[in-house]
Structures are given as C-alpha cells and as structure tokens.
C-alpha cells in the first residue's frame, strides 16, 4: 500500500505537476462539494518540493 498526500491548493498542485509529480486522482472535497482535492504519492521529494513552494 502506498502513502498518499492530499493537496487542497490548486496553486500547489500546479507547482508539483510543473516539477514532475503526477496527480494520482482528483476527488471532491469532503467538506465542500464545490471544491476539489488532489492526491499525490507521498515521498521525501514531494515534501521537499512542497516546502520550496511555501518559501
């Protein structure tokens, strides 16, 4: 079983995709059906890329 990272931000999702990470699945948010969440396979590289986005 693989670890999944949930991303709620469209801007962060686009940053990750531009940096070579693939979206596994897009699903409706549980809290607001008008919003989407993006699922990525979790890894140290993904976490590092997410940290770089926030700086």
N, C-alpha and C. Protein backbone atom coordinates (compact mmCIF):
# COMPACT_ATOMS: atom_id res chain seq x y z
N UNK A 1 0.84 -1.18 0.00
CA UNK A 1 0.00 0.00 0.00
C UNK A 1 0.88 1.25 0.00
N UNK A 2 0.56 2.21 -0.84
CA UNK A 2 1.38 3.41 -0.92
C UNK A 2 0.79 4.54 -0.07
N UNK A 3 1.65 5.43 0.35
CA UNK A 3 1.21 6.58 1.14
C UNK A 3 0.74 7.67 0.20
N UNK A 4 -0.35 8.31 0.57
CA UNK A 4 -0.97 9.34 -0.25
C UNK A 4 -0.88 10.68 0.47
N UNK A 5 -0.57 11.72 -0.28
CA UNK A 5 -0.57 13.09 0.24
C UNK A 5 -1.74 13.82 -0.40
N UNK A 6 -2.56 14.45 0.42
CA UNK A 6 -3.72 15.20 -0.06
C UNK A 6 -3.33 16.67 -0.17
N UNK A 7 -3.61 17.27 -1.33
CA UNK A 7 -3.31 18.68 -1.57
C UNK A 7 -4.63 19.39 -1.84
N UNK A 8 -4.87 20.47 -1.11
CA UNK A 8 -6.12 21.22 -1.24
C UNK A 8 -5.97 22.45 -2.14
N UNK A 9 -4.75 22.87 -2.39
CA UNK A 9 -4.49 24.11 -3.12
C UNK A 9 -4.23 23.84 -4.60
N UNK A 10 -4.98 24.55 -5.45
CA UNK A 10 -4.76 24.44 -6.89
C UNK A 10 -3.37 24.94 -7.26
N UNK A 11 -2.94 26.03 -6.64
CA UNK A 11 -1.61 26.59 -6.94
C UNK A 11 -0.51 25.60 -6.57
N UNK A 12 -0.62 24.96 -5.42
CA UNK A 12 0.38 23.96 -5.01
C UNK A 12 0.34 22.77 -5.95
N UNK A 13 -0.84 22.32 -6.32
CA UNK A 13 -0.95 21.19 -7.26
C UNK A 13 -0.23 21.53 -8.57
N UNK A 14 -0.44 22.74 -9.09
CA UNK A 14 0.20 23.13 -10.33
C UNK A 14 1.72 23.19 -10.17
N UNK A 15 2.20 23.67 -9.03
CA UNK A 15 3.64 23.71 -8.75
C UNK A 15 4.22 22.30 -8.76
N UNK A 16 3.53 21.36 -8.11
CA UNK A 16 4.02 19.99 -8.05
C UNK A 16 4.05 19.35 -9.44
N UNK A 17 3.01 19.56 -10.22
CA UNK A 17 2.95 18.99 -11.58
C UNK A 17 4.06 19.59 -12.44
N UNK A 18 4.29 20.89 -12.34
CA UNK A 18 5.37 21.54 -13.11
C UNK A 18 6.74 20.98 -12.73
N UNK A 19 6.83 20.45 -11.52
CA UNK A 19 8.10 19.90 -11.05
C UNK A 19 8.17 18.39 -11.20
N UNK A 20 7.28 17.82 -11.99
CA UNK A 20 7.40 16.41 -12.37
C UNK A 20 6.59 15.41 -11.58
N UNK A 21 5.75 15.86 -10.67
CA UNK A 21 4.93 14.94 -9.88
C UNK A 21 3.57 14.76 -10.55
N UNK A 22 3.07 13.54 -10.52
CA UNK A 22 1.80 13.23 -11.19
C UNK A 22 0.66 13.17 -10.17
N UNK A 23 -0.46 13.77 -10.54
CA UNK A 23 -1.67 13.67 -9.72
C UNK A 23 -2.20 12.25 -9.89
N UNK A 24 -2.41 11.55 -8.78
CA UNK A 24 -2.96 10.20 -8.84
C UNK A 24 -4.46 10.25 -9.10
N UNK A 25 -5.13 11.17 -8.40
CA UNK A 25 -6.58 11.23 -8.51
C UNK A 25 -7.05 12.61 -8.05
N UNK A 26 -8.16 13.08 -8.63
CA UNK A 26 -8.83 14.30 -8.21
C UNK A 26 -10.19 13.90 -7.68
N UNK A 27 -10.50 14.33 -6.46
CA UNK A 27 -11.79 13.97 -5.86
C UNK A 27 -12.45 15.22 -5.28
N UNK A 28 -13.76 15.11 -5.03
CA UNK A 28 -14.48 16.19 -4.36
C UNK A 28 -14.04 16.29 -2.91
N UNK A 29 -13.97 17.51 -2.43
CA UNK A 29 -13.66 17.73 -1.02
C UNK A 29 -14.80 17.20 -0.16
N UNK A 30 -14.45 16.61 0.97
CA UNK A 30 -15.48 16.10 1.87
C UNK A 30 -16.23 17.24 2.56
N UNK A 31 -15.56 18.38 2.74
CA UNK A 31 -16.18 19.50 3.46
C UNK A 31 -16.98 20.43 2.56
N UNK A 32 -16.62 20.51 1.27
CA UNK A 32 -17.32 21.38 0.33
C UNK A 32 -17.31 20.72 -1.04
N UNK A 33 -18.43 20.25 -1.47
CA UNK A 33 -18.52 19.51 -2.74
C UNK A 33 -18.19 20.38 -3.96
N UNK A 34 -18.12 21.70 -3.79
CA UNK A 34 -17.74 22.58 -4.89
C UNK A 34 -16.23 22.66 -5.07
N UNK A 35 -15.48 22.12 -4.11
CA UNK A 35 -14.02 22.15 -4.17
C UNK A 35 -13.47 20.77 -4.50
N UNK A 36 -12.27 20.76 -5.05
CA UNK A 36 -11.58 19.51 -5.38
C UNK A 36 -10.34 19.37 -4.51
N UNK A 37 -9.92 18.15 -4.28
CA UNK A 37 -8.64 17.87 -3.64
C UNK A 37 -7.85 16.97 -4.58
N UNK A 38 -6.53 17.06 -4.48
CA UNK A 38 -5.64 16.37 -5.40
C UNK A 38 -4.79 15.38 -4.62
N UNK A 39 -4.70 14.16 -5.10
CA UNK A 39 -3.95 13.12 -4.41
C UNK A 39 -2.64 12.85 -5.15
N UNK A 40 -1.55 12.82 -4.38
CA UNK A 40 -0.22 12.53 -4.89
C UNK A 40 0.37 11.38 -4.09
N UNK A 41 1.27 10.64 -4.71
CA UNK A 41 2.02 9.64 -3.97
C UNK A 41 3.05 10.37 -3.10
N UNK A 42 3.01 10.11 -1.81
CA UNK A 42 3.87 10.81 -0.86
C UNK A 42 5.31 10.30 -0.95
N UNK A 43 6.25 11.22 -0.88
CA UNK A 43 7.67 10.88 -0.88
C UNK A 43 8.44 12.04 -0.27
N UNK A 44 9.70 11.80 0.05
CA UNK A 44 10.55 12.88 0.56
C UNK A 44 10.73 13.96 -0.49
N UNK A 45 10.84 13.57 -1.76
CA UNK A 45 11.00 14.54 -2.84
C UNK A 45 9.77 15.43 -2.95
N UNK A 46 8.58 14.85 -2.80
CA UNK A 46 7.34 15.63 -2.84
C UNK A 46 7.32 16.62 -1.68
N UNK A 47 7.66 16.17 -0.49
CA UNK A 47 7.69 17.06 0.67
C UNK A 47 8.67 18.21 0.46
N UNK A 48 9.85 17.92 -0.09
CA UNK A 48 10.84 18.97 -0.36
C UNK A 48 10.30 19.98 -1.36
N UNK A 49 9.61 19.51 -2.37
CA UNK A 49 9.04 20.40 -3.39
C UNK A 49 7.93 21.26 -2.77
N UNK A 50 7.15 20.70 -1.87
CA UNK A 50 6.11 21.46 -1.19
C UNK A 50 6.72 22.55 -0.32
N UNK A 51 7.82 22.24 0.35
CA UNK A 51 8.50 23.23 1.19
C UNK A 51 9.03 24.38 0.33
N UNK A 52 9.61 24.06 -0.82
CA UNK A 52 10.13 25.10 -1.72
C UNK A 52 9.01 26.01 -2.21
N UNK A 53 7.81 25.48 -2.42
CA UNK A 53 6.67 26.27 -2.86
C UNK A 53 6.30 27.32 -1.82
N UNK A 54 6.39 26.98 -0.56
CA UNK A 54 5.95 27.89 0.50
C UNK A 54 6.93 29.02 0.76
N UNK A 55 8.15 28.92 0.25
CA UNK A 55 9.15 29.97 0.52
C UNK A 55 9.04 31.09 -0.48
